[in-house]
C-alpha atoms as a PDB file:
ATOM      1  CA  MET A   1       0.000   0.000   0.000  1.00  0.00           C
ATOM      2  CA  LYS A   2       1.556   3.277  -1.155  1.00  0.00           C
ATOM      3  CA  GLN A   3      -1.056   5.611   0.360  1.00  0.00           C
ATOM      4  CA  PHE A   4      -4.414   5.482   2.141  1.00  0.00           C
ATOM      5  CA  ILE A   5      -6.932   7.980   0.852  1.00  0.00           C
ATOM      6  CA  SER A   6      -9.963   5.815   0.075  1.00  0.00           C
ATOM      7  CA  VAL A   7     -11.099   2.212  -0.240  1.00  0.00           C
ATOM      8  CA  LYS A   8      -9.548   2.229  -3.733  1.00  0.00           C
ATOM      9  CA  ASP A   9      -6.121   1.968  -2.056  1.00  0.00           C
ATOM     10  CA  VAL A  10      -7.091  -1.369  -0.467  1.00  0.00           C
ATOM     11  CA  THR A  11      -6.811  -4.595  -2.467  1.00  0.00           C
ATOM     12  CA  ASP A  12      -8.396  -6.889   0.149  1.00  0.00           C
ATOM     13  CA  ILE A  13     -10.712  -5.404   2.780  1.00  0.00           C
ATOM     14  CA  ASP A  14     -11.180  -8.688   4.655  1.00  0.00           C
ATOM     15  CA  ALA A  15      -7.418  -9.225   4.908  1.00  0.00           C
ATOM     16  CA  LEU A  16      -6.964  -5.715   6.323  1.00  0.00           C
ATOM     17  CA  VAL A  17      -9.737  -6.367   8.859  1.00  0.00           C
ATOM     18  CA  LYS A  18      -8.101  -9.658   9.831  1.00  0.00           C
ATOM     19  CA  GLN A  19      -4.783  -7.872  10.380  1.00  0.00           C
ATOM     20  CA  ALA A  20      -6.463  -5.217  12.516  1.00  0.00           C
ATOM     21  CA  LEU A  21      -8.080  -7.847  14.738  1.00  0.00           C
ATOM     22  CA  LEU A  22      -4.733  -9.621  15.021  1.00  0.00           C
ATOM     23  CA  TYR A  23      -3.249  -6.398  16.344  1.00  0.00           C
ATOM     24  CA  LYS A  24      -6.161  -6.034  18.758  1.00  0.00           C
ATOM     25  CA  ALA A  25      -5.253  -9.442  20.211  1.00  0.00           C
ATOM     26  CA  ASN A  26      -1.528  -8.684  20.264  1.00  0.00           C
ATOM     27  CA  PRO A  27      -0.776  -4.952  19.866  1.00  0.00           C
ATOM     28  CA  PHE A  28       3.027  -5.237  19.976  1.00  0.00           C
ATOM     29  CA  ILE A  29       3.522  -8.212  17.676  1.00  0.00           C
ATOM     30  CA  ASP A  30       5.143  -5.917  15.054  1.00  0.00           C
ATOM     31  CA  LYS A  31       6.772  -3.441  17.427  1.00  0.00           C
ATOM     32  CA  ALA A  32      10.014  -3.469  15.415  1.00  0.00           C
ATOM     33  CA  LEU A  33       8.327  -2.790  12.069  1.00  0.00           C
ATOM     34  CA  GLY A  34       8.439   0.986  12.440  1.00  0.00           C
ATOM     35  CA  ALA A  35      11.706   1.246  14.349  1.00  0.00           C
ATOM     36  CA  ASN A  36      13.638   4.396  13.403  1.00  0.00           C
ATOM     37  CA  LYS A  37      10.683   5.668  11.370  1.00  0.00           C
ATOM     38  CA  ARG A  38       8.846   8.940  11.979  1.00  0.00           C
ATOM     39  CA  ILE A  39       5.209   9.692  11.237  1.00  0.00           C
ATOM     40  CA  GLY A  40       3.853  13.232  11.012  1.00  0.00           C
ATOM     41  CA  LEU A  41       0.241  13.964  11.903  1.00  0.00           C
ATOM     42  CA  LEU A  42      -0.906  17.306  10.486  1.00  0.00           C
ATOM     43  CA  PHE A  43      -4.248  18.676  11.619  1.00  0.00           C
ATOM     44  CA  LEU A  44      -5.889  21.529   9.774  1.00  0.00           C
ATOM     45  CA  ASN A  45      -8.981  20.856  11.907  1.00  0.00           C
ATOM     46  CA  PRO A  46      -9.635  19.514  15.437  1.00  0.00           C
ATOM     47  CA  SER A  47      -9.511  15.833  16.324  1.00  0.00           C
ATOM     48  CA  LEU A  48      -9.836  13.568  19.344  1.00  0.00           C
ATOM     49  CA  ARG A  49     -10.185   9.877  18.361  1.00  0.00           C
ATOM     50  CA  THR A  50      -8.380  10.163  15.021  1.00  0.00           C
ATOM     51  CA  ARG A  51      -5.381  11.919  16.513  1.00  0.00           C
ATOM     52  CA  LEU A  52      -4.959   9.789  19.621  1.00  0.00           C
ATOM     53  CA  SER A  53      -5.716   6.424  18.005  1.00  0.00           C
ATOM     54  CA  THR A  54      -3.211   7.044  15.214  1.00  0.00           C
ATOM     55  CA  GLN A  55      -0.541   8.067  17.720  1.00  0.00           C
ATOM     56  CA  VAL A  56      -1.145   4.917  19.769  1.00  0.00           C
ATOM     57  CA  ALA A  57      -1.131   2.741  16.641  1.00  0.00           C
ATOM     58  CA  ALA A  58       2.175   4.242  15.473  1.00  0.00           C
ATOM     59  CA  GLN A  59       3.763   3.644  18.870  1.00  0.00           C
ATOM     60  CA  HIS A  60       2.601   0.008  18.841  1.00  0.00           C
ATOM     61  CA  LEU A  61       4.605  -0.369  15.634  1.00  0.00           C
ATOM     62  CA  GLY A  62       7.692   1.305  17.105  1.00  0.00           C
ATOM     63  CA  MET A  63       7.257   4.592  15.218  1.00  0.00           C
ATOM     64  CA  GLU A  64       7.805   8.070  16.586  1.00  0.00           C
ATOM     65  CA  PRO A  65       4.635  10.131  15.999  1.00  0.00           C
ATOM     66  CA  ILE A  66       4.886  13.926  15.851  1.00  0.00           C
ATOM     67  CA  VAL A  67       1.683  16.000  15.902  1.00  0.00           C
ATOM     68  CA  TYR A  68       1.429  19.450  14.358  1.00  0.00           C
ATOM     69  CA  ASN A  69      -1.776  21.502  14.591  1.00  0.00           C
ATOM     70  CA  VAL A  70      -1.454  23.567  11.429  1.00  0.00           C
ATOM     71  CA  ASP A  71      -4.677  25.458  12.145  1.00  0.00           C
ATOM     72  CA  LYS A  72      -3.364  26.728  15.498  1.00  0.00           C
ATOM     73  CA  GLU A  73       0.426  26.617  15.361  1.00  0.00           C
ATOM     74  CA  GLY A  74       1.417  27.010  11.732  1.00  0.00           C
ATOM     75  CA  TRP A  75       1.513  29.486   8.903  1.00  0.00           C
ATOM     76  CA  SER A  76      -1.565  29.872   6.759  1.00  0.00           C
ATOM     77  CA  LEU A  77      -0.999  27.606   3.747  1.00  0.00           C
ATOM     78  CA  GLU A  78      -1.635  28.416   0.090  1.00  0.00           C
ATOM     79  CA  PHE A  79      -2.789  25.538  -2.141  1.00  0.00           C
ATOM     80  CA  ASN A  80      -3.519  27.290  -5.448  1.00  0.00           C
ATOM     81  CA  GLU A  81      -0.997  26.931  -8.234  1.00  0.00           C
ATOM     82  CA  GLY A  82       0.388  30.226  -9.535  1.00  0.00           C
ATOM     83  CA  ALA A  83      -1.051  32.155  -6.604  1.00  0.00           C
ATOM     84  CA  ILE A  84       0.052  35.748  -6.046  1.00  0.00           C
ATOM     85  CA  MET A  85       0.522  35.552  -2.296  1.00  0.00           C
ATOM     86  CA  ASN A  86      -0.310  39.118  -1.338  1.00  0.00           C
ATOM     87  CA  GLY A  87      -3.187  38.111   0.944  1.00  0.00           C
ATOM     88  CA  THR A  88      -3.563  36.115   4.149  1.00  0.00           C
ATOM     89  CA  THR A  89      -1.623  32.983   3.147  1.00  0.00           C
ATOM     90  CA  VAL A  90       2.033  32.897   4.183  1.00  0.00           C
ATOM     91  CA  GLU A  91       3.500  29.616   2.905  1.00  0.00           C
ATOM     92  CA  HIS A  92       2.820  27.665  -0.269  1.00  0.00           C
ATOM     93  CA  ILE A  93       2.253  23.933  -0.184  1.00  0.00           C
ATOM     94  CA  LYS A  94       4.988  23.605  -2.855  1.00  0.00           C
ATOM     95  CA  ASP A  95       7.482  24.857  -0.270  1.00  0.00           C
ATOM     96  CA  ALA A  96       6.076  23.216   2.867  1.00  0.00           C
ATOM     97  CA  ALA A  97       5.244  19.682   1.676  1.00  0.00           C
ATOM     98  CA  PRO A  98       8.688  18.721   0.297  1.00  0.00           C
ATOM     99  CA  ILE A  99      10.293  19.679   3.604  1.00  0.00           C
ATOM    100  CA  LEU A 100       7.797  17.521   5.476  1.00  0.00           C
ATOM    101  CA  GLY A 101       8.698  14.735   3.085  1.00  0.00           C
ATOM    102  CA  HIS A 102      12.274  14.977   4.345  1.00  0.00           C
ATOM    103  CA  TYR A 103      11.274  15.092   8.019  1.00  0.00           C
ATOM    104  CA  PHE A 104       8.916  12.092   7.969  1.00  0.00           C
ATOM    105  CA  ASP A 105       8.539   8.615   6.490  1.00  0.00           C
ATOM    106  CA  ILE A 106       4.722   8.765   6.483  1.00  0.00           C
ATOM    107  CA  LEU A 107       2.587  11.897   6.524  1.00  0.00           C
ATOM    108  CA  CYS A 108      -1.009  11.928   7.788  1.00  0.00           C
ATOM    109  CA  ILE A 109      -3.354  14.796   6.937  1.00  0.00           C
ATOM    110  CA  ARG A 110      -6.700  15.846   8.393  1.00  0.00           C
ATOM    111  CA  THR A 111      -8.749  18.531   6.718  1.00  0.00           C
ATOM    112  CA  PHE A 112     -12.433  19.382   6.375  1.00  0.00           C
ATOM    113  CA  PRO A 113     -14.523  20.821   3.535  1.00  0.00           C
ATOM    114  CA  SER A 114     -15.572  24.444   3.406  1.00  0.00           C
ATOM    115  CA  LEU A 115     -19.166  23.401   2.611  1.00  0.00           C
ATOM    116  CA  GLN A 116     -19.280  26.555   0.471  1.00  0.00           C
ATOM    117  CA  ASN A 117     -17.847  25.386  -2.865  1.00  0.00           C
ATOM    118  CA  LYS A 118     -18.799  21.829  -3.851  1.00  0.00           C
ATOM    119  CA  GLU A 119     -16.511  21.656  -6.875  1.00  0.00           C
ATOM    120  CA  GLN A 120     -13.506  22.754  -4.848  1.00  0.00           C
ATOM    121  CA  ASP A 121     -14.247  20.488  -1.889  1.00  0.00           C
ATOM    122  CA  TYR A 122     -14.892  17.427  -4.052  1.00  0.00           C
ATOM    123  CA  SER A 123     -11.691  17.997  -6.018  1.00  0.00           C
ATOM    124  CA  GLU A 124      -9.814  17.159  -2.773  1.00  0.00           C
ATOM    125  CA  LYS A 125      -7.248  19.810  -3.649  1.00  0.00           C
ATOM    126  CA  ILE A 126      -5.580  19.944  -0.230  1.00  0.00           C
ATOM    127  CA  ILE A 127      -4.812  16.262   0.201  1.00  0.00           C
ATOM    128  CA  HIS A 128      -3.842  15.874  -3.468  1.00  0.00           C
ATOM    129  CA  GLN A 129      -1.397  18.769  -3.185  1.00  0.00           C
ATOM    130  CA  PHE A 130       0.286  17.004  -0.259  1.00  0.00           C
ATOM    131  CA  ILE A 131       0.438  13.794  -2.305  1.00  0.00           C
ATOM    132  CA  LYS A 132       1.916  15.702  -5.244  1.00  0.00           C
ATOM    133  CA  TYR A 133       4.658  17.553  -3.368  1.00  0.00           C
ATOM    134  CA  ALA A 134       5.556  15.566  -0.211  1.00  0.00           C
ATOM    135  CA  GLY A 135       7.073  12.582  -1.992  1.00  0.00           C
ATOM    136  CA  ILE A 136       6.193  10.132   0.796  1.00  0.00           C
ATOM    137  CA  PRO A 137       3.101   8.005   1.597  1.00  0.00           C
ATOM    138  CA  ILE A 138       0.076  10.059   2.614  1.00  0.00           C
ATOM    139  CA  VAL A 139      -2.640   8.800   4.964  1.00  0.00           C
ATOM    140  CA  SER A 140      -5.997  10.546   5.161  1.00  0.00           C
ATOM    141  CA  LEU A 141      -7.138  11.279   8.695  1.00  0.00           C
ATOM    142  CA  GLU A 142     -10.317  12.672   7.063  1.00  0.00           C
ATOM    143  CA  SER A 143     -10.526  14.797   3.976  1.00  0.00           C
ATOM    144  CA  ALA A 144     -13.114  17.032   2.345  1.00  0.00           C
ATOM    145  CA  THR A 145     -15.176  14.084   1.100  1.00  0.00           C
ATOM    146  CA  LEU A 146     -14.012  10.890   2.848  1.00  0.00           C
ATOM    147  CA  HIS A 147     -12.946   9.405   6.186  1.00  0.00           C
ATOM    148  CA  PRO A 148     -11.383   6.026   5.254  1.00  0.00           C
ATOM    149  CA  LEU A 149      -9.888   5.167   8.656  1.00  0.00           C
ATOM    150  CA  GLN A 150     -13.324   5.558  10.232  1.00  0.00           C
ATOM    151  CA  SER A 151     -14.913   3.374   7.565  1.00  0.00           C
ATOM    152  CA  LEU A 152     -12.310   0.633   7.957  1.00  0.00           C
ATOM    153  CA  THR A 153     -12.986   0.783  11.685  1.00  0.00           C
ATOM    154  CA  ASP A 154     -16.693   0.407  11.028  1.00  0.00           C
ATOM    155  CA  ILE A 155     -16.228  -2.763   8.990  1.00  0.00           C
ATOM    156  CA  ILE A 156     -13.846  -4.127  11.654  1.00  0.00           C
ATOM    157  CA  THR A 157     -16.523  -3.496  14.278  1.00  0.00           C
ATOM    158  CA  ILE A 158     -19.273  -5.088  12.175  1.00  0.00           C
ATOM    159  CA  GLN A 159     -17.219  -8.200  11.421  1.00  0.00           C
ATOM    160  CA  GLU A 160     -16.127  -8.521  15.041  1.00  0.00           C
ATOM    161  CA  SER A 161     -19.738  -8.277  16.227  1.00  0.00           C
ATOM    162  CA  MET A 162     -20.931 -10.808  13.666  1.00  0.00           C
ATOM    163  CA  ALA A 163     -18.307 -13.300  14.809  1.00  0.00           C
ATOM    164  CA  LEU A 164     -19.625 -13.009  18.372  1.00  0.00           C
ATOM    165  CA  ASN A 165     -23.285 -13.448  17.412  1.00  0.00           C
ATOM    166  CA  GLU A 166     -24.405 -16.958  16.452  1.00  0.00           C
ATOM    167  CA  ASN A 167     -27.431 -15.552  14.619  1.00  0.00           C
ATOM    168  CA  LEU A 168     -25.211 -13.486  12.327  1.00  0.00           C
ATOM    169  CA  LYS A 169     -22.538 -16.054  11.513  1.00  0.00           C
ATOM    170  CA  ASN A 170     -22.554 -17.062   7.844  1.00  0.00           C
ATOM    171  CA  LYS A 171     -25.267 -14.486   7.147  1.00  0.00           C
ATOM    172  CA  GLN A 172     -25.310 -11.468   4.866  1.00  0.00           C
ATOM    173  CA  PRO A 173     -26.248  -8.729   7.355  1.00  0.00           C
ATOM    174  CA  LYS A 174     -28.660  -5.917   6.646  1.00  0.00           C
ATOM    175  CA  ILE A 175     -26.815  -2.668   7.291  1.00  0.00           C
ATOM    176  CA  VAL A 176     -28.701   0.626   7.384  1.00  0.00           C
ATOM    177  CA  LEU A 177     -27.142   4.082   7.169  1.00  0.00           C
ATOM    178  CA  THR A 178     -29.693   6.524   8.532  1.00  0.00           C
ATOM    179  CA  TRP A 179     -29.588  10.302   8.458  1.00  0.00           C
ATOM    180  CA  ALA A 180     -30.085  12.017  11.815  1.00  0.00           C
ATOM    181  CA  PRO A 181     -30.940  15.597  12.726  1.00  0.00           C
ATOM    182  CA  HIS A 182     -28.277  18.093  13.800  1.00  0.00           C
ATOM    183  CA  ILE A 183     -28.121  21.746  14.826  1.00  0.00           C
ATOM    184  CA  LYS A 184     -25.626  22.802  12.138  1.00  0.00           C
ATOM    185  CA  SER A 185     -24.263  21.993   8.711  1.00  0.00           C
ATOM    186  CA  ILE A 186     -22.166  18.804   8.780  1.00  0.00           C
ATOM    187  CA  PRO A 187     -19.946  17.412   5.960  1.00  0.00           C
ATOM    188  CA  GLN A 188     -20.833  14.316   3.948  1.00  0.00           C
ATOM    189  CA  CYS A 189     -17.375  12.760   4.576  1.00  0.00           C
ATOM    190  CA  VAL A 190     -18.310   9.945   6.971  1.00  0.00           C
ATOM    191  CA  SER A 191     -21.509   9.053   5.120  1.00  0.00           C
ATOM    192  CA  ASN A 192     -19.771   9.075   1.729  1.00  0.00           C
ATOM    193  CA  SER A 193     -16.964   6.944   3.059  1.00  0.00           C
ATOM    194  CA  PHE A 194     -19.162   4.456   4.909  1.00  0.00           C
ATOM    195  CA  SER A 195     -21.244   3.999   1.758  1.00  0.00           C
ATOM    196  CA  GLU A 196     -18.165   3.533  -0.422  1.00  0.00           C
ATOM    197  CA  TRP A 197     -16.608   0.941   1.911  1.00  0.00           C
ATOM    198  CA  ILE A 198     -19.783  -1.085   2.509  1.00  0.00           C
ATOM    199  CA  ASN A 199     -20.457  -1.215  -1.228  1.00  0.00           C
ATOM    200  CA  ALA A 200     -16.851  -2.215  -1.960  1.00  0.00           C
ATOM    201  CA  TRP A 201     -16.970  -4.863   0.782  1.00  0.00           C
ATOM    202  CA  GLY A 202     -20.013  -6.332  -0.926  1.00  0.00           C
ATOM    203  CA  ALA A 203     -20.944  -8.652   1.921  1.00  0.00           C
ATOM    204  CA  ALA A 204     -24.098  -6.903   3.123  1.00  0.00           C
ATOM    205  CA  ASN A 205     -27.610  -5.868   2.176  1.00  0.00           C
ATOM    206  CA  PHE A 206     -27.007  -2.123   2.337  1.00  0.00           C
ATOM    207  CA  VAL A 207     -29.795   0.444   2.740  1.00  0.00           C
ATOM    208  CA  ILE A 208     -29.467   4.232   3.038  1.00  0.00           C
ATOM    209  CA  THR A 209     -32.365   6.259   4.419  1.00  0.00           C
ATOM    210  CA  HIS A 210     -32.711  10.034   4.646  1.00  0.00           C
ATOM    211  CA  PRO A 211     -35.239  12.836   4.092  1.00  0.00           C
ATOM    212  CA  LYS A 212     -35.723  14.131   0.565  1.00  0.00           C
ATOM    213  CA  GLY A 213     -32.942  16.492  -0.462  1.00  0.00           C
ATOM    214  CA  TYR A 214     -30.195  14.627   1.385  1.00  0.00           C
ATOM    215  CA  GLU A 215     -29.112  12.366  -1.467  1.00  0.00           C
ATOM    216  CA  LEU A 216     -25.365  11.713  -1.399  1.00  0.00           C
ATOM    217  CA  ASP A 217     -23.033  11.718  -4.396  1.00  0.00           C
ATOM    218  CA  THR A 218     -23.923   8.614  -6.399  1.00  0.00           C
ATOM    219  CA  GLN A 219     -20.268   7.719  -6.933  1.00  0.00           C
ATOM    220  CA  TYR A 220     -20.330   6.545  -3.299  1.00  0.00           C
ATOM    221  CA  THR A 221     -23.871   5.205  -2.970  1.00  0.00           C
ATOM    222  CA  ASN A 222     -24.256   3.163  -6.172  1.00  0.00           C
ATOM    223  CA  GLY A 223     -25.083  -0.385  -5.086  1.00  0.00           C
ATOM    224  CA  ALA A 224     -27.158   0.627  -2.056  1.00  0.00           C
ATOM    225  CA  THR A 225     -30.937   0.687  -1.752  1.00  0.00           C
ATOM    226  CA  ILE A 226     -32.056   4.239  -1.004  1.00  0.00           C
ATOM    227  CA  THR A 227     -35.354   5.150   0.651  1.00  0.00           C
ATOM    228  CA  HIS A 228     -36.925   8.178   2.328  1.00  0.00           C
ATOM    229  CA  ASN A 229     -38.934   5.913   4.647  1.00  0.00           C
ATOM    230  CA  GLN A 230     -36.848   5.336   7.771  1.00  0.00           C
ATOM    231  CA  ASP A 231     -39.291   2.849   9.294  1.00  0.00           C
ATOM    232  CA  GLU A 232     -39.182   0.746   6.144  1.00  0.00           C
ATOM    233  CA  ALA A 233     -35.392   0.866   6.084  1.00  0.00           C
ATOM    234  CA  LEU A 234     -35.003  -0.173   9.713  1.00  0.00           C
ATOM    235  CA  LYS A 235     -37.182  -3.267   9.438  1.00  0.00           C
ATOM    236  CA  ASP A 236     -35.081  -6.405  10.118  1.00  0.00           C
ATOM    237  CA  ALA A 237     -31.815  -4.429  10.188  1.00  0.00           C
ATOM    238  CA  ASP A 238     -28.818  -6.073  11.872  1.00  0.00           C
ATOM    239  CA  PHE A 239     -26.693  -2.906  12.105  1.00  0.00           C
ATOM    240  CA  VAL A 240     -27.788   0.730  12.078  1.00  0.00           C
ATOM    241  CA  TYR A 241     -25.231   3.437  11.399  1.00  0.00           C
ATOM    242  CA  VAL A 242     -26.461   6.853  12.512  1.00  0.00           C
ATOM    243  CA  LYS A 243     -24.992  10.009  10.984  1.00  0.00           C
ATOM    244  CA  ASN A 244     -26.037  13.517  10.058  1.00  0.00           C
ATOM    245  CA  TRP A 245     -24.917  15.165   6.841  1.00  0.00           C
ATOM    246  CA  SER A 246     -25.827  18.366   5.027  1.00  0.00           C
ATOM    247  CA  SER A 247     -27.265  18.451   1.525  1.00  0.00           C
ATOM    248  CA  TYR A 248     -25.008  17.503  -1.380  1.00  0.00           C
ATOM    249  CA  ASN A 249     -27.209  18.853  -4.184  1.00  0.00           C
ATOM    250  CA  GLU A 250     -28.005  22.097  -2.345  1.00  0.00           C
ATOM    251  CA  TYR A 251     -24.462  22.038  -1.119  1.00  0.00           C
ATOM    252  CA  GLY A 252     -23.905  22.471   2.596  1.00  0.00           C
ATOM    253  CA  LYS A 253     -27.487  23.458   3.351  1.00  0.00           C
ATOM    254  CA  VAL A 254     -29.544  22.156   6.273  1.00  0.00           C
ATOM    255  CA  LEU A 255     -32.889  21.263   4.705  1.00  0.00           C
ATOM    256  CA  SER A 256     -34.446  19.520   7.691  1.00  0.00           C
ATOM    257  CA  THR A 257     -34.064  19.317  11.456  1.00  0.00           C
ATOM    258  CA  ASP A 258     -36.954  16.881  11.883  1.00  0.00           C
ATOM    259  CA  ALA A 259     -36.550  15.374  15.369  1.00  0.00           C
ATOM    260  CA  ASN A 260     -38.591  12.344  14.285  1.00  0.00           C
ATOM    261  CA  TRP A 261     -35.497  11.023  12.508  1.00  0.00           C
ATOM    262  CA  MET A 262     -33.635  10.555  15.817  1.00  0.00           C
ATOM    263  CA  LEU A 263     -33.173   6.853  16.566  1.00  0.00           C
ATOM    264  CA  THR A 264     -34.937   5.545  19.675  1.00  0.00           C
ATOM    265  CA  ASN A 265     -35.614   2.160  21.245  1.00  0.00           C
ATOM    266  CA  GLU A 266     -39.144   2.317  19.866  1.00  0.00           C
ATOM    267  CA  LYS A 267     -37.772   2.514  16.330  1.00  0.00           C
ATOM    268  CA  LEU A 268     -35.197  -0.151  17.088  1.00  0.00           C
ATOM    269  CA  ALA A 269     -37.979  -2.583  17.990  1.00  0.00           C
ATOM    270  CA  THR A 270     -38.650  -3.360  14.313  1.00  0.00           C
ATOM    271  CA  THR A 271     -35.016  -4.333  13.689  1.00  0.00           C
ATOM    272  CA  ASN A 272     -33.292  -7.663  14.226  1.00  0.00           C
ATOM    273  CA  ASN A 273     -32.136  -6.409  17.642  1.00  0.00           C
ATOM    274  CA  ALA A 274     -29.772  -4.242  15.617  1.00  0.00           C
ATOM    275  CA  LYS A 275     -26.469  -2.971  16.916  1.00  0.00           C
ATOM    276  CA  VAL A 276     -26.164   0.804  16.632  1.00  0.00           C
ATOM    277  CA  MET A 277     -23.076   2.684  15.458  1.00  0.00           C
ATOM    278  CA  HIS A 278     -21.951   6.309  15.304  1.00  0.00           C
ATOM    279  CA  CYS A 279     -18.502   7.751  14.560  1.00  0.00           C
ATOM    280  CA  LEU A 280     -18.559  10.320  17.406  1.00  0.00           C
ATOM    281  CA  PRO A 281     -18.725  13.052  18.547  1.00  0.00           C
ATOM    282  CA  VAL A 282     -22.487  12.767  18.903  1.00  0.00           C
ATOM    283  CA  ARG A 283     -25.102  15.324  19.921  1.00  0.00           C
ATOM    284  CA  ARG A 284     -26.997  13.371  22.552  1.00  0.00           C
ATOM    285  CA  ASN A 285     -30.776  13.496  22.300  1.00  0.00           C
ATOM    286  CA  VAL A 286     -30.488  15.288  18.966  1.00  0.00           C
ATOM    287  CA  GLU A 287     -28.777  12.739  16.708  1.00  0.00           C
ATOM    288  CA  LEU A 288     -29.113   9.769  19.052  1.00  0.00           C
ATOM    289  CA  SER A 289     -31.107   9.248  22.231  1.00  0.00           C
ATOM    290  CA  ASP A 290     -29.509   8.518  25.599  1.00  0.00           C
ATOM    291  CA  GLU A 291     -31.451   5.255  25.763  1.00  0.00           C
ATOM    292  CA  ILE A 292     -29.679   4.022  22.638  1.00  0.00           C
ATOM    293  CA  LEU A 293     -26.212   5.340  23.435  1.00  0.00           C
ATOM    294  CA  ASP A 294     -26.266   3.988  26.982  1.00  0.00           C
ATOM    295  CA  GLY A 295     -28.150   0.813  26.149  1.00  0.00           C
ATOM    296  CA  PRO A 296     -27.115  -2.737  25.247  1.00  0.00           C
ATOM    297  CA  ASN A 297     -27.427  -2.230  21.475  1.00  0.00           C
ATOM    298  CA  SER A 298     -24.789   0.491  21.272  1.00  0.00           C
ATOM    299  CA  LEU A 299     -21.449  -0.364  19.647  1.00  0.00           C
ATOM    300  CA  VAL A 300     -20.284   3.247  19.807  1.00  0.00           C
ATOM    301  CA  THR A 301     -17.576   2.794  22.462  1.00  0.00           C
ATOM    302  CA  LYS A 302     -16.252  -0.437  20.932  1.00  0.00           C
ATOM    303  CA  GLU A 303     -16.297   1.222  17.513  1.00  0.00           C
ATOM    304  CA  ALA A 304     -14.222   4.162  18.796  1.00  0.00           C
ATOM    305  CA  SER A 305     -11.720   1.863  20.518  1.00  0.00           C
ATOM    306  CA  ASN A 306     -11.244  -0.061  17.276  1.00  0.00           C
ATOM    307  CA  ARG A 307      -9.865   3.076  15.662  1.00  0.00           C
ATOM    308  CA  VAL A 308      -6.426   2.082  17.021  1.00  0.00           C
ATOM    309  CA  TRP A 309      -6.437  -1.272  15.238  1.00  0.00           C
ATOM    310  CA  ALA A 310      -7.648   0.170  11.951  1.00  0.00           C
ATOM    311  CA  ALA A 311      -4.840   2.719  11.979  1.00  0.00           C
ATOM    312  CA  GLN A 312      -2.279   0.112  13.012  1.00  0.00           C
ATOM    313  CA  ALA A 313      -3.245  -2.223  10.158  1.00  0.00           C
ATOM    314  CA  VAL A 314      -2.982   0.597   7.606  1.00  0.00           C
ATOM    315  CA  LEU A 315       0.335   1.919   8.915  1.00  0.00           C
ATOM    316  CA  ALA A 316       1.806  -1.589   8.985  1.00  0.00           C
ATOM    317  CA  LYS A 317       0.757  -2.126   5.379  1.00  0.00           C
ATOM    318  CA  ILE A 318       2.436   1.124   4.336  1.00  0.00           C
ATOM    319  CA  LEU A 319       5.568   0.385   6.354  1.00  0.00           C
ATOM    320  CA  GLY A 320       5.788  -2.943   4.567  1.00  0.00           C
ATOM    321  CA  SER A 321       5.881  -1.133   1.244  1.00  0.00           C
ATOM    322  CA  LEU A 322       8.774   1.067   2.425  1.00  0.00           C
ATOM    323  CA  SER A 323      11.149  -1.815   3.135  1.00  0.00           C
END
């Protein structure tokens, strides 16, 4: 693996999941793999789980992780080619990225979309400029359109849960991605990515449900059944992934805040005792009810803890390509 930006960088999802679960059972089995290697974690936006889990994963592999909060500690970066830098930007990516390529063996980037310009956000200019100029493997810690480490974690969590449930062994599970209300405009990254990975995995009956106007980019959702009827979607579900996102077609807009879309135990009653997932952070009693989050069907804490093993599997794969 030369980089990790989307599911397209993965040749065998099940093998990567298997490696992640191997690391969960024995975190230090490859502690010499990253010896004398440095990994840079650059954050243009805040992070909790992504930052800490990737640091822990790197240390399990013997790497030295160095975190740099570009949004708080660094110069304002310019990403446009041919820019006349007489404004607020101080350093061009063409000057910064090659230096980082000399400092580190692997470079991880986290950035968010503006939610103002769809064409610019979906071009993934920022992460592609790092790929172009750094000259070393790039790992996405979330980009303008995708969050691949989260999605790998989600499949790890689903497969782990299926292995522990006799009723789900040797079964194609029904997985539902359901939109949830939120108080502000939220990117489509996690929802895009989850859809892309579940479709690429191909081992599930995948349904996406949301109010009208919240259709995602079809390049990620093709292969899924899409419905505006949440009750219909939830029927007989084995896993329910809850996530808010803003409109893609009316880019970045909040078209609905309908509280009836919040998942509750009453709605869960029509499922196959479905396990519930969310990437966190979560707005309690807005996106998801306390009764779900604190109840026996929630996989949210396990899902978050599995972020370490997803990152470790990816970093190990990249380190293997460096030797």
